[in-house]
Amino acid sequence: MLTRLQSVAIIVCLVYVPQFTFALSRRLALNKRLSKHEEFLKPKLFFKSKPSETSTVLYDSIVLSCEAAGIPNPTIHWLKNGERVQQGTSHNIQDDEAAFENAAGDDLPRLQLANTVSKLYLDCITEEDEAEYTCVAETPLARKTQSHKVFIDPIRGNPRHRCSLHNGEKPARIYMATSSRFEYENELTQLYCRAEGKPTPTITWYDPFNEPITNADGYKIAKNGDLIILNATWKDHMGVFTCVADNGIGSDNATAFLYPTGRG
């Protein structure tokens, strides 16, 4: 015959042990799912573009392009013969960082898998533009470089092709943008859209349903033009976002495919 203490112990085991086991099994299952992606989630950084050599003529205009992919999402800037090229209004390294995402922390790892595209516009080529241009891709954990060389034929240039814009005006151009992004659902997600031009361009974002985005309904447009999605979900945010830069002299656009995914 069971004593009163033994009876209580059996009841406790019957009631609480299954609940503890269920909670433990859920945690172990989550850890197992995350461990499957551990190798995939390791920091990565690589170029999708190739080094290039471009031959051009005086007074022509060319565009150098560079694309990098990585975890976390990379930023890109350019060097000319080792010296940084100014693009847009950024004046310090913090403007290159994914500052909004880096400030967001939680208990679970974030995916932050993205492709970033950058363009360097060289207008009205002169002898001084013949140089080695370096595409610098960076994350908080890694840095890689890729060379793009420009050679000039000084004889074939047509001086009548000199800059046609007056008063220092330049059309709006997007020089760095996210082209694709994969992130876990319910996470803060940052899509790049950095533009330059004179006068300074205004940035407008459109959601996958082609509706203009404002600083409401879970979105924030940063001063540098980036789109911050505060709580990305597959239902509401999966698809192509469009960034449009315009300054009255010209306009440019870039698209970013966003795919929020579950952790399982």
Protein backbone atom coordinates (compact mmCIF):
# COMPACT_ATOMS: atom_id res chain seq x y z
CA MET A 1 0.00 0.00 0.00
CA LEU A 2 1.33 3.41 -0.99
CA THR A 3 2.04 5.98 1.65
CA ARG A 4 0.62 9.51 1.35
CA LEU A 5 4.06 10.86 0.38
CA GLN A 6 4.47 8.24 -2.36
CA SER A 7 1.02 9.09 -3.74
CA VAL A 8 1.87 12.77 -3.93
CA ALA A 9 5.17 11.97 -5.69
CA ILE A 10 3.35 9.88 -8.30
CA ILE A 11 0.84 12.66 -8.94
CA VAL A 12 3.63 15.21 -9.34
CA CYS A 13 5.39 12.94 -11.84
CA LEU A 14 2.22 12.31 -13.82
CA VAL A 15 1.29 16.00 -14.00
CA TYR A 16 4.58 17.88 -14.30
CA VAL A 17 7.06 15.49 -15.88
CA PRO A 18 5.20 15.30 -19.24
CA GLN A 19 5.00 19.11 -19.35
CA PHE A 20 8.72 19.40 -18.60
CA THR A 21 9.51 16.71 -21.16
CA PHE A 22 7.40 18.46 -23.81
CA ALA A 23 9.09 21.82 -23.14
CA LEU A 24 12.50 20.18 -23.21
CA SER A 25 11.73 18.34 -26.44
CA ARG A 26 10.59 21.60 -28.07
CA ARG A 27 13.85 23.29 -27.06
CA LEU A 28 15.91 20.34 -28.31
CA ALA A 29 13.99 20.32 -31.59
CA LEU A 30 14.63 24.06 -32.02
CA ASN A 31 18.32 23.59 -31.29
CA LYS A 32 18.44 20.72 -33.78
CA ARG A 33 16.80 22.82 -36.51
CA LEU A 34 19.16 25.71 -35.85
CA SER A 35 22.17 23.40 -35.80
CA LYS A 36 21.22 22.20 -39.28
CA HIS A 37 21.67 25.76 -40.47
CA GLU A 38 24.76 26.43 -38.35
CA GLU A 39 27.14 25.92 -41.26
CA PHE A 40 24.89 27.95 -43.55
CA LEU A 41 24.64 30.76 -41.03
CA LYS A 42 28.38 31.17 -40.59
CA PRO A 43 29.64 34.61 -41.65
CA LYS A 44 30.36 34.77 -45.35
CA LEU A 45 31.46 37.42 -47.82
CA PHE A 46 32.13 36.94 -51.51
CA PHE A 47 31.89 38.81 -54.80
CA LYS A 48 29.35 37.89 -57.47
CA SER A 49 30.94 40.33 -59.93
CA LYS A 50 34.32 39.85 -61.61
CA PRO A 51 37.36 42.15 -61.71
CA SER A 52 37.28 44.29 -64.85
CA GLU A 53 39.42 46.36 -67.17
CA THR A 54 37.62 49.11 -69.08
CA SER A 55 38.98 51.09 -72.01
CA THR A 56 37.33 54.42 -72.71
CA VAL A 57 38.00 57.78 -74.37
CA LEU A 58 38.23 61.35 -73.16
CA TYR A 59 34.95 63.10 -72.37
CA ASP A 60 33.03 59.82 -72.37
CA SER A 61 31.03 58.58 -69.35
CA ILE A 62 31.19 55.07 -67.90
CA VAL A 63 29.76 53.12 -64.98
CA LEU A 64 31.69 50.59 -62.89
CA SER A 65 29.57 47.92 -61.21
CA CYS A 66 30.24 45.63 -58.29
CA GLU A 67 28.08 43.03 -56.53
CA ALA A 68 28.76 41.23 -53.26
CA ALA A 69 26.83 38.72 -51.19
CA GLY A 70 27.24 37.78 -47.58
CA ILE A 71 26.13 37.09 -44.05
CA PRO A 72 25.67 39.65 -42.50
CA ASN A 73 24.47 41.83 -45.37
CA PRO A 74 27.45 43.68 -46.89
CA THR A 75 27.92 47.34 -47.71
CA ILE A 76 30.10 48.55 -50.59
CA HIS A 77 32.25 51.61 -51.18
CA TRP A 78 34.96 52.50 -53.71
CA LEU A 79 38.61 53.55 -53.68
CA LYS A 80 40.51 55.36 -56.44
CA ASN A 81 44.20 54.47 -56.32
CA GLY A 82 43.72 53.67 -52.65
CA GLU A 83 41.80 56.84 -51.73
CA ARG A 84 38.14 56.67 -50.84
CA VAL A 85 35.70 58.01 -53.44
CA GLN A 86 32.96 60.18 -52.00
CA GLN A 87 29.48 59.08 -52.99
CA GLY A 88 26.32 60.77 -51.80
CA THR A 89 26.47 62.81 -48.62
CA SER A 90 28.17 60.22 -46.37
CA HIS A 91 31.23 61.56 -44.57
CA ASN A 92 32.06 58.83 -42.08
CA ILE A 93 32.25 55.08 -41.89
CA GLN A 94 29.07 54.81 -39.81
CA ASP A 95 27.07 55.79 -42.88
CA ASP A 96 28.28 52.57 -44.52
CA GLU A 97 27.04 50.27 -41.79
CA ALA A 98 23.73 48.49 -41.41
CA ALA A 99 23.31 50.58 -38.28
CA PHE A 100 19.62 49.89 -37.71
CA GLU A 101 20.03 46.13 -37.90
CA ASN A 102 23.23 46.05 -35.88
CA ALA A 103 21.41 47.82 -33.04
CA ALA A 104 18.63 45.24 -32.98
CA GLY A 105 19.35 42.28 -30.73
CA ASP A 106 17.41 39.20 -29.70
CA ASP A 107 18.01 35.74 -28.33
CA LEU A 108 17.97 33.88 -31.66
CA PRO A 109 20.42 34.22 -34.56
CA ARG A 110 19.32 36.33 -37.50
CA LEU A 111 19.82 35.26 -41.09
CA GLN A 112 20.99 38.55 -42.68
CA LEU A 113 21.71 36.92 -46.05
CA ALA A 114 21.81 39.57 -48.77
CA ASN A 115 23.16 40.67 -52.13
CA THR A 116 24.36 44.26 -52.45
CA VAL A 117 24.99 46.08 -55.73
CA SER A 118 27.06 49.25 -56.11
CA LYS A 119 27.80 51.51 -59.08
CA LEU A 120 30.50 54.13 -59.52
CA TYR A 121 29.66 56.80 -62.10
CA LEU A 122 32.54 58.44 -63.96
CA ASP A 123 31.28 61.38 -66.01
CA CYS A 124 33.13 63.36 -68.67
CA ILE A 125 36.31 61.31 -68.46
CA THR A 126 39.62 63.16 -68.18
CA GLU A 127 43.19 61.92 -67.92
CA GLU A 128 42.87 62.00 -64.13
CA ASP A 129 40.19 59.31 -64.26
CA GLU A 130 42.62 56.70 -65.56
CA ALA A 131 43.22 54.70 -62.40
CA GLU A 132 42.69 51.50 -60.47
CA TYR A 133 39.32 51.56 -58.77
CA THR A 134 38.76 49.17 -55.89
CA CYS A 135 35.37 47.86 -54.86
CA VAL A 136 35.40 47.32 -51.09
CA ALA A 137 32.76 44.98 -49.68
CA GLU A 138 32.43 44.94 -45.91
CA THR A 139 30.46 43.42 -43.10
CA PRO A 140 31.09 43.92 -39.37
CA LEU A 141 33.10 40.67 -39.57
CA ALA A 142 34.93 40.72 -42.90
CA ARG A 143 36.32 42.88 -45.70
CA LYS A 144 37.13 41.97 -49.30
CA THR A 145 38.32 43.97 -52.29
CA GLN A 146 38.04 43.68 -56.06
CA SER A 147 39.99 45.62 -58.70
CA HIS A 148 38.43 47.53 -61.62
CA LYS A 149 40.93 49.29 -63.89
CA VAL A 150 40.13 52.15 -66.26
CA PHE A 151 42.33 52.95 -69.26
CA ILE A 152 41.91 56.05 -71.45
CA ASP A 153 42.69 56.58 -75.12
CA PRO A 154 43.68 60.28 -75.21
CA ILE A 155 43.42 60.53 -79.00
CA ARG A 156 39.90 59.34 -79.78
CA GLY A 157 38.02 61.63 -77.39
CA ASN A 158 35.50 64.16 -78.72
CA PRO A 159 35.66 67.47 -76.80
CA ARG A 160 32.11 68.27 -77.91
CA HIS A 161 30.99 65.50 -75.57
CA ARG A 162 32.00 67.49 -72.51
CA CYS A 163 29.56 67.67 -69.63
CA SER A 164 26.24 68.96 -70.81
CA LEU A 165 24.87 69.68 -67.35
CA HIS A 166 25.15 73.26 -66.10
CA ASN A 167 25.53 74.83 -62.66
CA GLY A 168 26.96 71.61 -61.26
CA GLU A 169 23.63 69.80 -61.58
CA LYS A 170 23.70 66.01 -61.72
CA PRO A 171 20.80 63.58 -62.15
CA ALA A 172 19.71 61.33 -59.31
CA ARG A 173 21.59 58.04 -59.30
CA ILE A 174 21.44 55.09 -56.94
CA TYR A 175 24.99 54.05 -56.07
CA MET A 176 24.32 51.26 -53.54
CA ALA A 177 21.25 49.08 -53.13
CA THR A 178 20.12 45.71 -51.85
CA SER A 179 19.18 43.42 -54.74
CA SER A 180 17.95 40.47 -52.66
CA ARG A 181 17.49 39.70 -48.99
CA PHE A 182 16.55 36.60 -47.02
CA GLU A 183 15.63 37.01 -43.37
CA TYR A 184 13.77 35.14 -40.67
CA GLU A 185 10.19 36.22 -40.15
CA ASN A 186 9.35 38.77 -37.46
CA GLU A 187 12.82 40.34 -37.60
CA LEU A 188 13.85 43.92 -38.30
CA THR A 189 15.14 44.06 -41.89
CA GLN A 190 17.09 46.81 -43.65
CA LEU A 191 17.10 47.29 -47.44
CA TYR A 192 19.74 49.66 -48.82
CA CYS A 193 19.01 52.49 -51.24
CA ARG A 194 21.74 55.15 -51.29
CA ALA A 195 21.51 57.85 -53.96
CA GLU A 196 23.51 60.87 -55.09
CA GLY A 197 22.89 63.89 -57.30
CA LYS A 198 22.63 67.68 -57.34
CA PRO A 199 20.24 68.74 -56.01
CA THR A 200 20.04 65.96 -53.41
CA PRO A 201 17.54 63.30 -54.52
CA THR A 202 14.41 62.36 -52.63
CA ILE A 203 13.78 58.65 -52.05
CA THR A 204 10.42 56.94 -52.44
CA TRP A 205 9.86 53.27 -51.67
CA TYR A 206 7.08 51.04 -53.03
CA ASP A 207 5.95 47.78 -51.45
CA PRO A 208 5.38 44.47 -53.33
CA PHE A 209 1.84 45.65 -54.08
CA ASN A 210 3.24 48.81 -55.72
CA GLU A 211 1.87 51.02 -52.96
CA PRO A 212 4.03 53.96 -51.77
CA ILE A 213 5.55 53.42 -48.32
CA THR A 214 5.47 56.00 -45.53
CA ASN A 215 6.90 56.09 -42.02
CA ALA A 216 3.98 54.09 -40.69
CA ASP A 217 2.50 50.61 -40.67
CA GLY A 218 5.72 48.94 -39.61
CA TYR A 219 8.04 50.84 -41.95
CA LYS A 220 10.67 53.50 -41.49
CA ILE A 221 12.58 55.31 -44.23
CA ALA A 222 16.00 56.33 -42.92
CA LYS A 223 17.65 59.64 -43.73
CA ASN A 224 20.15 57.86 -45.98
CA GLY A 225 17.29 56.37 -48.03
CA ASP A 226 17.31 52.84 -46.61
CA LEU A 227 14.02 51.10 -45.89
CA ILE A 228 13.60 49.63 -42.40
CA ILE A 229 10.95 46.92 -42.07
CA LEU A 230 10.27 46.54 -38.38
CA ASN A 231 8.62 43.11 -38.40
CA ALA A 232 9.00 41.36 -41.75
CA THR A 233 6.55 38.54 -42.49
CA TRP A 234 6.10 36.29 -45.50
CA LYS A 235 2.42 37.19 -45.85
CA ASP A 236 2.85 40.97 -45.86
CA HIS A 237 6.37 41.56 -47.16
CA MET A 238 7.49 38.75 -49.45
CA GLY A 239 8.16 40.14 -52.91
CA VAL A 240 9.86 42.95 -54.77
CA PHE A 241 10.35 46.36 -53.15
CA THR A 242 11.20 49.29 -55.42
CA CYS A 243 13.30 52.32 -54.52
CA VAL A 244 12.99 55.44 -56.69
CA ALA A 245 15.42 58.37 -56.44
CA ASP A 246 14.46 61.66 -58.08
CA ASN A 247 15.83 65.20 -57.98
CA GLY A 248 14.05 66.93 -60.85
CA ILE A 249 17.09 66.57 -63.11
CA GLY A 250 16.76 62.82 -63.46
CA SER A 251 15.51 59.71 -61.73
CA ASP A 252 16.79 56.21 -61.03
CA ASN A 253 15.31 53.08 -59.51
CA ALA A 254 16.41 49.81 -57.96
CA THR A 255 14.51 46.70 -56.91
CA ALA A 256 15.07 44.46 -53.90
CA PHE A 257 13.57 40.98 -53.56
CA LEU A 258 12.73 40.18 -49.93
CA TYR A 259 11.97 36.67 -48.71
CA PRO A 260 11.06 36.32 -45.02
CA THR A 261 11.32 32.66 -44.02
CA GLY A 262 10.54 30.52 -41.01
CA ARG A 263 13.22 29.18 -38.69
CA GLY A 264 12.20 25.56 -39.14
